[in-house]
Protein backbone atom coordinates (compact mmCIF):
# COMPACT_ATOMS: atom_id res chain seq x y z
CA UNK A 1 88.40 96.97 123.50
CA UNK A 2 89.98 98.71 126.50
CA UNK A 3 87.45 97.06 128.82
CA UNK A 4 88.27 93.60 127.43
CA UNK A 5 92.01 94.17 127.78
CA UNK A 6 91.64 95.30 131.40
CA UNK A 7 89.32 92.36 132.18
CA UNK A 8 91.90 89.94 130.79
CA UNK A 9 94.65 91.60 132.80
CA UNK A 10 92.58 91.51 136.02
CA UNK A 11 91.73 87.84 135.45
CA UNK A 12 95.37 86.94 134.87
CA UNK A 13 96.45 88.77 138.03
CA UNK A 14 93.82 86.88 140.05
CA UNK A 15 95.32 83.67 138.63
CA UNK A 16 98.77 84.68 139.88
CA UNK A 17 100.31 85.97 136.66
CA UNK A 18 103.08 88.38 137.67
CA UNK A 19 104.72 89.26 134.34
CA UNK A 20 102.88 90.43 131.23
CA UNK A 21 104.17 90.42 127.67
CA UNK A 22 102.57 92.05 124.62
CA UNK A 23 103.07 91.16 120.98
CA UNK A 24 101.76 92.10 117.57
CA UNK A 25 100.99 90.33 114.34
CA UNK A 26 101.62 92.88 111.61
CA UNK A 27 100.38 91.75 108.23
CA UNK A 28 100.15 93.30 104.80
CA UNK A 29 99.31 91.77 101.44
CA UNK A 30 99.54 88.21 102.78
CA UNK A 31 102.88 88.71 104.52
CA UNK A 32 103.63 88.85 108.24
CA UNK A 33 106.41 90.93 109.78
CA UNK A 34 108.96 88.82 111.67
CA UNK A 35 111.92 90.39 113.47
CA UNK A 36 115.25 88.75 114.25
CA UNK A 37 116.86 89.20 117.65
CA UNK A 38 120.37 90.62 117.61
CA UNK A 39 123.17 88.08 117.79
CA UNK A 40 124.39 90.16 120.76
CA UNK A 41 121.13 89.61 122.68
CA UNK A 42 121.54 87.70 125.97
CA UNK A 43 118.23 85.86 125.47
CA UNK A 44 117.80 83.65 122.37
CA UNK A 45 120.20 85.52 120.05
CA UNK A 46 119.34 85.27 116.34
CA UNK A 47 115.83 83.87 116.85
CA UNK A 48 113.02 85.05 114.57
CA UNK A 49 109.86 86.22 116.35
CA UNK A 50 106.91 88.59 116.24
CA UNK A 51 107.50 92.08 117.66
CA UNK A 52 106.93 91.73 121.41
CA UNK A 53 108.20 92.65 124.84
CA UNK A 54 107.54 92.95 128.53
CA UNK A 55 105.05 95.31 130.13
CA UNK A 56 106.62 97.72 132.63
CA UNK A 57 105.17 98.26 136.11
CA UNK A 58 102.21 100.65 135.93
CA UNK A 59 102.09 100.53 132.12
CA UNK A 60 98.87 99.64 130.31
CA UNK A 61 98.97 96.78 127.82
CA UNK A 62 98.22 99.12 124.92
CA UNK A 63 100.91 101.60 126.02
CA UNK A 64 103.39 98.72 126.27
CA UNK A 65 102.48 97.56 122.76
CA UNK A 66 102.92 101.08 121.38
CA UNK A 67 106.33 101.36 123.09
CA UNK A 68 107.52 97.94 121.92
CA UNK A 69 106.48 98.59 118.31
CA UNK A 70 108.26 101.93 118.32
CA UNK A 71 111.40 100.38 119.85
CA UNK A 72 111.50 97.29 117.66
CA UNK A 73 110.15 98.34 114.27
CA UNK A 74 110.04 102.13 114.40
CA UNK A 75 106.32 102.83 114.16
CA UNK A 76 103.27 103.14 116.38
CA UNK A 77 100.08 101.13 116.30
CA UNK A 78 96.78 102.68 115.19
CA UNK A 79 93.31 102.38 116.63
CA UNK A 80 90.62 101.97 113.96
CA UNK A 81 86.97 101.31 114.86
CA UNK A 82 87.95 100.48 118.44
CA UNK A 83 90.51 97.82 117.45
CA UNK A 84 94.20 98.30 118.07
CA UNK A 85 95.86 98.07 114.68
């Protein structure tokens, strides 16, 4: 999976993409986790969305996803059979 992620990132950069965002669909027993932005947030306060966030300079996409999940929902992703879970 790491090769695919890096290929996608390289392709996007060649196409002029300058900002990357990661997100996760977390599902269990037919339900999907949705988070609500704080009403104090400067950008789209109160909106419901999937856990997501921007990738920092020099950060891998998987590291960014791990960081965002920890920041937003309090747990880390898992890798099972080569898939980021």
